[in-house]
PDB file of N, CA and C in Angstrom:
ATOM      1  N   MET A   1      -2.696  22.172  27.000  1.00  0.00           N
ATOM      2  CA  MET A   1      -1.780  23.369  26.474  1.00  0.00           C
ATOM      3  C   MET A   1      -1.354  22.802  25.331  1.00  0.00           C
ATOM      4  N   GLY A   2      -1.503  22.986  24.570  1.00  0.00           N
ATOM      5  CA  GLY A   2      -0.439  22.894  22.695  1.00  0.00           C
ATOM      6  C   GLY A   2       0.786  23.336  23.150  1.00  0.00           C
ATOM      7  N   LEU A   3       1.852  22.976  21.989  1.00  0.00           N
ATOM      8  CA  LEU A   3       3.042  23.244  21.756  1.00  0.00           C
ATOM      9  C   LEU A   3       2.956  24.739  21.797  1.00  0.00           C
ATOM     10  N   GLU A   4       1.678  25.083  20.160  1.00  0.00           N
ATOM     11  CA  GLU A   4       1.429  25.987  19.743  1.00  0.00           C
ATOM     12  C   GLU A   4       1.809  27.147  21.018  1.00  0.00           C
ATOM     13  N   ARG A   5       0.906  27.206  22.132  1.00  0.00           N
ATOM     14  CA  ARG A   5      -0.096  28.266  22.536  1.00  0.00           C
ATOM     15  C   ARG A   5       1.324  28.549  23.687  1.00  0.00           C
ATOM     16  N   ILE A   6       2.184  27.301  24.111  1.00  0.00           N
ATOM     17  CA  ILE A   6       3.042  27.717  24.638  1.00  0.00           C
ATOM     18  C   ILE A   6       3.903  27.997  24.516  1.00  0.00           C
ATOM     19  N   LEU A   7       4.623  28.068  22.944  1.00  0.00           N
ATOM     20  CA  LEU A   7       5.508  29.223  22.213  1.00  0.00           C
ATOM     21  C   LEU A   7       5.112  30.573  21.930  1.00  0.00           C
ATOM     22  N   ALA A   8       3.606  30.595  21.594  1.00  0.00           N
ATOM     23  CA  ALA A   8       3.064  32.072  21.812  1.00  0.00           C
ATOM     24  C   ALA A   8       3.127  33.095  23.256  1.00  0.00           C
ATOM     25  N   ILE A   9       2.951  32.104  24.229  1.00  0.00           N
ATOM     26  CA  ILE A   9       3.450  32.763  25.421  1.00  0.00           C
ATOM     27  C   ILE A   9       4.587  33.342  25.661  1.00  0.00           C
ATOM     28  N   LEU A  10       5.418  31.970  25.109  1.00  0.00           N
ATOM     29  CA  LEU A  10       6.526  32.570  25.514  1.00  0.00           C
ATOM     30  C   LEU A  10       7.475  33.483  24.775  1.00  0.00           C
ATOM     31  N   THR A  11       6.951  33.536  22.778  1.00  0.00           N
ATOM     32  CA  THR A  11       7.712  34.671  21.942  1.00  0.00           C
ATOM     33  C   THR A  11       6.691  35.834  22.522  1.00  0.00           C
ATOM     34  N   GLN A  12       5.743  35.367  23.144  1.00  0.00           N
ATOM     35  CA  GLN A  12       4.563  36.971  23.519  1.00  0.00           C
ATOM     36  C   GLN A  12       4.242  37.343  21.952  1.00  0.00           C
ATOM     37  N   GLN A  13       3.870  36.047  21.634  1.00  0.00           N
ATOM     38  CA  GLN A  13       3.230  36.521  19.838  1.00  0.00           C
ATOM     39  C   GLN A  13       1.568  36.955  20.213  1.00  0.00           C
ATOM     40  N   GLU A  14       0.838  37.287  19.377  1.00  0.00           N
ATOM     41  CA  GLU A  14      -0.329  37.564  19.693  1.00  0.00           C
ATOM     42  C   GLU A  14      -1.185  36.397  19.231  1.00  0.00           C
ATOM     43  N   ASN A  15      -0.775  35.945  17.924  1.00  0.00           N
ATOM     44  CA  ASN A  15      -1.754  35.287  17.145  1.00  0.00           C
ATOM     45  C   ASN A  15      -1.211  33.783  17.310  1.00  0.00           C
ATOM     46  N   LEU A  16      -2.326  33.319  17.175  1.00  0.00           N
ATOM     47  CA  LEU A  16      -1.488  31.433  17.007  1.00  0.00           C
ATOM     48  C   LEU A  16      -0.560  31.559  15.783  1.00  0.00           C
ATOM     49  N   ARG A  17      -1.800  31.124  14.887  1.00  0.00           N
ATOM     50  CA  ARG A  17      -0.778  31.362  13.819  1.00  0.00           C
ATOM     51  C   ARG A  17       0.209  31.930  12.829  1.00  0.00           C
ATOM     52  N   ASP A  18       1.145  32.961  13.720  1.00  0.00           N
ATOM     53  CA  ASP A  18       2.648  32.399  13.884  1.00  0.00           C
ATOM     54  C   ASP A  18       3.291  31.925  14.167  1.00  0.00           C
ATOM     55  N   VAL A  19       3.015  30.773  15.329  1.00  0.00           N
ATOM     56  CA  VAL A  19       3.985  29.857  15.718  1.00  0.00           C
ATOM     57  C   VAL A  19       3.359  28.515  15.533  1.00  0.00           C
ATOM     58  N   ILE A  20       2.391  28.172  14.526  1.00  0.00           N
ATOM     59  CA  ILE A  20       1.812  27.050  13.740  1.00  0.00           C
ATOM     60  C   ILE A  20       3.358  26.520  13.666  1.00  0.00           C
ATOM     61  N   MET A  21       3.067  25.515  13.277  1.00  0.00           N
ATOM     62  CA  MET A  21       5.254  24.646  12.979  1.00  0.00           C
ATOM     63  C   MET A  21       4.722  24.580  11.268  1.00  0.00           C
ATOM     64  N   PHE A  22       3.480  23.477  12.119  1.00  0.00           N
ATOM     65  CA  PHE A  22       2.958  22.074  10.581  1.00  0.00           C
ATOM     66  C   PHE A  22       1.676  23.280  10.492  1.00  0.00           C
ATOM     67  N   PRO A  23       1.198  24.181   9.578  1.00  0.00           N
ATOM     68  CA  PRO A  23       0.129  24.621   8.827  1.00  0.00           C
ATOM     69  C   PRO A  23      -0.093  24.102   7.919  1.00  0.00           C
ATOM     70  N   LEU A  24      -1.613  23.680   7.803  1.00  0.00           N
ATOM     71  CA  LEU A  24      -2.317  23.370   6.302  1.00  0.00           C
ATOM     72  C   LEU A  24      -2.488  24.425   5.821  1.00  0.00           C
ATOM     73  N   MET A  25      -1.977  24.198   4.507  1.00  0.00           N
ATOM     74  CA  MET A  25      -2.426  24.859   3.830  1.00  0.00           C
ATOM     75  C   MET A  25      -3.413  24.486   2.454  1.00  0.00           C
ATOM     76  N   LYS A  26      -4.009  25.525   1.648  1.00  0.00           N
ATOM     77  CA  LYS A  26      -4.541  25.210   0.623  1.00  0.00           C
ATOM     78  C   LYS A  26      -4.032  25.672  -0.276  1.00  0.00           C
ATOM     79  N   PRO A  27      -4.019  25.257  -1.942  1.00  0.00           N
ATOM     80  CA  PRO A  27      -3.081  25.597  -2.772  1.00  0.00           C
ATOM     81  C   PRO A  27      -3.682  26.370  -3.375  1.00  0.00           C
ATOM     82  N   GLN A  28      -3.548  27.859  -3.677  1.00  0.00           N
ATOM     83  CA  GLN A  28      -4.050  28.682  -4.097  1.00  0.00           C
ATOM     84  C   GLN A  28      -4.399  28.753  -5.431  1.00  0.00           C
ATOM     85  N   GLN A  29      -5.214  29.642  -5.579  1.00  0.00           N
ATOM     86  CA  GLN A  29      -6.280  29.241  -7.250  1.00  0.00           C
ATOM     87  C   GLN A  29      -5.125  29.676  -8.684  1.00  0.00           C
ATOM     88  N   GLY A  30      -5.210  28.691  -9.122  1.00  0.00           N
ATOM     89  CA  GLY A  30      -4.399  28.789 -10.254  1.00  0.00           C
ATOM     90  C   GLY A  30      -2.813  27.530  -9.684  1.00  0.00           C
ATOM     91  N   GLU A  31      -2.719  27.226  -8.690  1.00  0.00           N
ATOM     92  CA  GLU A  31      -1.651  26.977  -8.432  1.00  0.00           C
ATOM     93  C   GLU A  31      -2.144  24.860  -8.382  1.00  0.00           C
ATOM     94  N   GLN A  32      -0.816  24.009  -9.029  1.00  0.00           N
ATOM     95  CA  GLN A  32      -0.954  23.318  -9.515  1.00  0.00           C
ATOM     96  C   GLN A  32      -1.130  22.374  -8.294  1.00  0.00           C
ATOM     97  N   GLN A  33      -2.081  21.232  -8.064  1.00  0.00           N
ATOM     98  CA  GLN A  33      -1.221  20.113  -7.025  1.00  0.00           C
ATOM     99  C   GLN A  33      -0.421  19.120  -7.194  1.00  0.00           C
ATOM    100  N   ALA A  34       0.345  18.373  -6.363  1.00  0.00           N
ATOM    101  CA  ALA A  34       1.346  17.367  -6.069  1.00  0.00           C
ATOM    102  C   ALA A  34       0.522  16.296  -6.948  1.00  0.00           C
ATOM    103  N   ALA A  35       2.310  16.124  -7.523  1.00  0.00           N
ATOM    104  CA  ALA A  35       1.840  15.083  -8.697  1.00  0.00           C
ATOM    105  C   ALA A  35       1.558  13.993  -7.860  1.00  0.00           C
ATOM    106  N   PRO A  36       0.306  12.865  -8.785  1.00  0.00           N
ATOM    107  CA  PRO A  36       0.156  11.961  -8.088  1.00  0.00           C
ATOM    108  C   PRO A  36       1.239  10.534  -7.033  1.00  0.00           C
ATOM    109  N   ASN A  37       1.321   9.918  -6.134  1.00  0.00           N
ATOM    110  CA  ASN A  37       1.760   8.520  -6.396  1.00  0.00           C
ATOM    111  C   ASN A  37       2.170   8.281  -7.940  1.00  0.00           C
ATOM    112  N   PRO A  38       3.135   8.267  -8.087  1.00  0.00           N
ATOM    113  CA  PRO A  38       3.795   6.826  -9.781  1.00  0.00           C
ATOM    114  C   PRO A  38       3.376   5.654  -9.677  1.00  0.00           C
ATOM    115  N   ALA A  39       3.060   4.655  -8.703  1.00  0.00           N
ATOM    116  CA  ALA A  39       2.622   3.423  -8.434  1.00  0.00           C
ATOM    117  C   ALA A  39       1.373   3.764  -8.266  1.00  0.00           C
ATOM    118  N   ALA A  40       0.217   3.950  -7.690  1.00  0.00           N
ATOM    119  CA  ALA A  40      -0.913   4.622  -8.025  1.00  0.00           C
ATOM    120  C   ALA A  40      -1.491   3.994  -9.177  1.00  0.00           C
ATOM    121  N   THR A  41      -1.054   5.406 -10.459  1.00  0.00           N
ATOM    122  CA  THR A  41      -1.179   5.730 -11.231  1.00  0.00           C
ATOM    123  C   THR A  41      -1.005   4.562 -12.987  1.00  0.00           C
ATOM    124  N   GLN A  42      -0.824   3.290 -11.928  1.00  0.00           N
ATOM    125  CA  GLN A  42       0.066   2.389 -13.156  1.00  0.00           C
ATOM    126  C   GLN A  42      -1.466   1.649 -13.407  1.00  0.00           C
ATOM    127  N   SER A  43      -2.549   1.791 -13.305  1.00  0.00           N
ATOM    128  CA  SER A  43      -3.603   1.528 -13.925  1.00  0.00           C
ATOM    129  C   SER A  43      -3.548   0.010 -13.399  1.00  0.00           C
ATOM    130  N   GLY A  44      -3.663  -0.515 -12.110  1.00  0.00           N
ATOM    131  CA  GLY A  44      -3.686  -1.606 -11.514  1.00  0.00           C
ATOM    132  C   GLY A  44      -2.293  -2.122 -11.428  1.00  0.00           C
ATOM    133  N   LYS A  45      -1.425  -1.759 -12.289  1.00  0.00           N
ATOM    134  CA  LYS A  45       0.048  -2.949 -12.070  1.00  0.00           C
ATOM    135  C   LYS A  45       0.678  -2.641 -11.181  1.00  0.00           C
ATOM    136  N   GLU A  46       1.135  -4.241 -10.612  1.00  0.00           N
ATOM    137  CA  GLU A  46       2.298  -4.035  -9.570  1.00  0.00           C
ATOM    138  C   GLU A  46       3.616  -2.467  -9.557  1.00  0.00           C
ATOM    139  N   PRO A  47       4.338  -1.863  -7.785  1.00  0.00           N
ATOM    140  CA  PRO A  47       4.769  -0.706  -8.928  1.00  0.00           C
ATOM    141  C   PRO A  47       6.161  -1.695  -8.411  1.00  0.00           C
ATOM    142  N   THR A  48       6.786  -1.120  -9.150  1.00  0.00           N
ATOM    143  CA  THR A  48       8.455  -1.669  -9.225  1.00  0.00           C
ATOM    144  C   THR A  48       9.498  -0.044  -8.806  1.00  0.00           C
ATOM    145  N   TYR A  49      10.140  -1.669  -7.747  1.00  0.00           N
ATOM    146  CA  TYR A  49      10.817  -1.455  -6.605  1.00  0.00           C
ATOM    147  C   TYR A  49      12.776  -1.205  -6.916  1.00  0.00           C
ATOM    148  N   GLU A  50      12.763  -0.440  -8.082  1.00  0.00           N
ATOM    149  CA  GLU A  50      13.769  -0.938  -9.233  1.00  0.00           C
ATOM    150  C   GLU A  50      15.183   0.757  -7.679  1.00  0.00           C
ATOM    151  N   ASN A  51      14.752   1.231  -7.457  1.00  0.00           N
ATOM    152  CA  ASN A  51      15.752   2.440  -6.561  1.00  0.00           C
ATOM    153  C   ASN A  51      15.839   1.567  -5.273  1.00  0.00           C
ATOM    154  N   ILE A  52      15.391   0.915  -4.896  1.00  0.00           N
ATOM    155  CA  ILE A  52      15.017   0.697  -3.731  1.00  0.00           C
ATOM    156  C   ILE A  52      17.121  -0.114  -3.512  1.00  0.00           C
ATOM    157  N   PRO A  53      17.596  -0.062  -2.723  1.00  0.00           N
ATOM    158  CA  PRO A  53      18.852  -0.810  -2.261  1.00  0.00           C
ATOM    159  C   PRO A  53      18.789  -1.664  -1.718  1.00  0.00           C
ATOM    160  N   SER A  54      19.776  -2.851  -2.091  1.00  0.00           N
ATOM    161  CA  SER A  54      19.887  -4.293  -2.209  1.00  0.00           C
ATOM    162  C   SER A  54      20.344  -4.244  -0.600  1.00  0.00           C
ATOM    163  N   VAL A  55      20.257  -5.369   0.317  1.00  0.00           N
ATOM    164  CA  VAL A  55      20.666  -5.474   1.879  1.00  0.00           C
ATOM    165  C   VAL A  55      22.195  -4.905   2.260  1.00  0.00           C
ATOM    166  N   VAL A  56      22.753  -5.862   0.949  1.00  0.00           N
ATOM    167  CA  VAL A  56      24.279  -5.217   1.012  1.00  0.00           C
ATOM    168  C   VAL A  56      24.587  -3.866   0.565  1.00  0.00           C
ATOM    169  N   GLN A  57      23.944  -3.411  -0.369  1.00  0.00           N
ATOM    170  CA  GLN A  57      23.321  -2.102  -0.435  1.00  0.00           C
ATOM    171  C   GLN A  57      23.549  -1.196   0.704  1.00  0.00           C
ATOM    172  N   ALA A  58      22.919  -1.023   1.035  1.00  0.00           N
ATOM    173  CA  ALA A  58      21.670  -0.652   2.086  1.00  0.00           C
ATOM    174  C   ALA A  58      23.120  -0.375   3.312  1.00  0.00           C
ATOM    175  N   LYS A  59      23.226  -1.784   4.037  1.00  0.00           N
ATOM    176  CA  LYS A  59      24.049  -2.496   4.891  1.00  0.00           C
ATOM    177  C   LYS A  59      25.357  -1.368   4.125  1.00  0.00           C
ATOM    178  N   GLU A  60      26.029  -0.990   3.248  1.00  0.00           N
ATOM    179  CA  GLU A  60      27.285   0.348   3.152  1.00  0.00           C
ATOM    180  C   GLU A  60      26.626   1.201   3.619  1.00  0.00           C
ATOM    181  N   LEU A  61      25.395   1.571   3.130  1.00  0.00           N
ATOM    182  CA  LEU A  61      24.661   3.276   3.065  1.00  0.00           C
ATOM    183  C   LEU A  61      24.417   3.009   4.647  1.00  0.00           C
ATOM    184  N   ALA A  62      24.401   2.799   5.518  1.00  0.00           N
ATOM    185  CA  ALA A  62      24.410   2.265   7.117  1.00  0.00           C
ATOM    186  C   ALA A  62      25.871   2.516   7.794  1.00  0.00           C
ATOM    187  N   HIS A  63      26.933   2.297   6.738  1.00  0.00           N
ATOM    188  CA  HIS A  63      27.969   1.927   8.281  1.00  0.00           C
ATOM    189  C   HIS A  63      28.611   3.095   7.896  1.00  0.00           C
ATOM    190  N   LYS A  64      28.715   4.064   6.537  1.00  0.00           N
ATOM    191  CA  LYS A  64      28.748   5.066   5.912  1.00  0.00           C
ATOM    192  C   LYS A  64      28.560   6.009   6.370  1.00  0.00           C
ATOM    193  N   TYR A  65      26.930   6.229   7.046  1.00  0.00           N
ATOM    194  CA  TYR A  65      26.691   7.460   7.197  1.00  0.00           C
ATOM    195  C   TYR A  65      26.369   7.802   8.750  1.00  0.00           C
ATOM    196  N   LEU A  66      26.166   6.531   9.714  1.00  0.00           N
ATOM    197  CA  LEU A  66      25.751   6.594  10.840  1.00  0.00           C
ATOM    198  C   LEU A  66      26.712   6.314  11.814  1.00  0.00           C
ATOM    199  N   ASN A  67      27.084   7.200  12.680  1.00  0.00           N
ATOM    200  CA  ASN A  67      28.066   6.827  13.192  1.00  0.00           C
ATOM    201  C   ASN A  67      27.865   6.238  14.643  1.00  0.00           C
ATOM    202  N   ASP A  68      27.163   7.165  15.340  1.00  0.00           N
ATOM    203  CA  ASP A  68      26.322   7.018  17.008  1.00  0.00           C
ATOM    204  C   ASP A  68      25.235   5.920  16.791  1.00  0.00           C
ATOM    205  N   THR A  69      24.706   5.825  15.899  1.00  0.00           N
ATOM    206  CA  THR A  69      23.364   5.161  15.873  1.00  0.00           C
ATOM    207  C   THR A  69      23.172   3.911  15.078  1.00  0.00           C
ATOM    208  N   LEU A  70      24.580   3.498  14.400  1.00  0.00           N
ATOM    209  CA  LEU A  70      24.221   2.418  13.660  1.00  0.00           C
ATOM    210  C   LEU A  70      24.335   0.817  14.705  1.00  0.00           C
ATOM    211  N   GLU A  71      24.588   1.125  15.563  1.00  0.00           N
ATOM    212  CA  GLU A  71      24.812  -0.745  16.999  1.00  0.00           C
ATOM    213  C   GLU A  71      22.567  -0.763  16.989  1.00  0.00           C
ATOM    214  N   HIS A  72      22.742   0.741  17.101  1.00  0.00           N
ATOM    215  CA  HIS A  72      21.002   0.957  17.488  1.00  0.00           C
ATOM    216  C   HIS A  72      20.332   0.675  16.603  1.00  0.00           C
ATOM    217  N   CYS A  73      20.738   0.887  15.441  1.00  0.00           N
ATOM    218  CA  CYS A  73      19.975   0.965  13.599  1.00  0.00           C
ATOM    219  C   CYS A  73      19.879  -0.623  13.859  1.00  0.00           C
ATOM    220  N   GLU A  74      21.089  -1.528  13.983  1.00  0.00           N
ATOM    221  CA  GLU A  74      21.510  -2.886  13.407  1.00  0.00           C
ATOM    222  C   GLU A  74      20.008  -3.595  14.682  1.00  0.00           C
ATOM    223  N   MET A  75      20.065  -3.438  16.033  1.00  0.00           N
ATOM    224  CA  MET A  75      19.713  -3.656  16.787  1.00  0.00           C
ATOM    225  C   MET A  75      18.151  -3.985  16.556  1.00  0.00           C
ATOM    226  N   VAL A  76      18.003  -2.439  16.240  1.00  0.00           N
ATOM    227  CA  VAL A  76      16.076  -2.338  15.550  1.00  0.00           C
ATOM    228  C   VAL A  76      16.022  -3.756  13.867  1.00  0.00           C
ATOM    229  N   GLY A  77      16.713  -3.754  13.708  1.00  0.00           N
ATOM    230  CA  GLY A  77      16.765  -4.713  12.314  1.00  0.00           C
ATOM    231  C   GLY A  77      16.467  -5.511  12.801  1.00  0.00           C
ATOM    232  N   HIS A  78      17.380  -6.520  14.001  1.00  0.00           N
ATOM    233  CA  HIS A  78      17.262  -7.451  13.995  1.00  0.00           C
ATOM    234  C   HIS A  78      16.217  -7.708  14.253  1.00  0.00           C
ATOM    235  N   VAL A  79      15.262  -6.900  15.942  1.00  0.00           N
ATOM    236  CA  VAL A  79      14.251  -7.328  16.437  1.00  0.00           C
ATOM    237  C   VAL A  79      12.948  -6.968  15.486  1.00  0.00           C
ATOM    238  N   MET A  80      12.361  -6.469  14.438  1.00  0.00           N
ATOM    239  CA  MET A  80      11.934  -6.371  13.057  1.00  0.00           C
ATOM    240  C   MET A  80      11.955  -7.535  12.242  1.00  0.00           C
ATOM    241  N   ALA A  81      13.059  -7.956  12.170  1.00  0.00           N
ATOM    242  CA  ALA A  81      13.077  -9.145  10.687  1.00  0.00           C
ATOM    243  C   ALA A  81      13.029 -10.496  11.758  1.00  0.00           C
ATOM    244  N   HIS A  82      12.852 -10.024  13.259  1.00  0.00           N
ATOM    245  CA  HIS A  82      12.066 -11.998  14.381  1.00  0.00           C
ATOM    246  C   HIS A  82      10.594 -11.681  13.797  1.00  0.00           C
ATOM    247  N   PHE A  83      10.061 -10.370  14.678  1.00  0.00           N
ATOM    248  CA  PHE A  83       8.931 -10.248  13.952  1.00  0.00           C
ATOM    249  C   PHE A  83       8.246 -10.507  13.237  1.00  0.00           C
ATOM    250  N   ALA A  84       8.899  -9.823  12.028  1.00  0.00           N
ATOM    251  CA  ALA A  84       8.702  -9.988  10.720  1.00  0.00           C
ATOM    252  C   ALA A  84       7.922 -11.599  10.015  1.00  0.00           C
ATOM    253  N   LYS A  85       9.061 -12.774  11.023  1.00  0.00           N
ATOM    254  CA  LYS A  85       9.075 -14.516  10.872  1.00  0.00           C
ATOM    255  C   LYS A  85       7.872 -14.701  11.636  1.00  0.00           C
ATOM    256  N   GLU A  86       7.540 -13.871  12.683  1.00  0.00           N
ATOM    257  CA  GLU A  86       6.837 -14.571  13.652  1.00  0.00           C
ATOM    258  C   GLU A  86       5.490 -14.045  13.381  1.00  0.00           C
ATOM    259  N   LEU A  87       5.490 -12.764  12.230  1.00  0.00           N
ATOM    260  CA  LEU A  87       4.363 -12.001  12.533  1.00  0.00           C
ATOM    261  C   LEU A  87       3.749 -12.853  10.906  1.00  0.00           C
TER     262      LEU A  87
END
């Protein structure tokens, strides 16, 4: 039984469309599609990485915004670095 069906039963909805959390939506007529990925439209050029923070900046952001999960995120980073070298 899917989550939507359980929610429909609990909220007494007759239609599953009323409780679908992530509906697939087609653009309406005349509505523009989302802009394509800029890296893909550079006609084969390498994507630029100007907006990616440095390691030092990323650590500063982590210390600024992560409270309870900072230690966990640092441990995950160490594990990922280990496997990146190994693989």
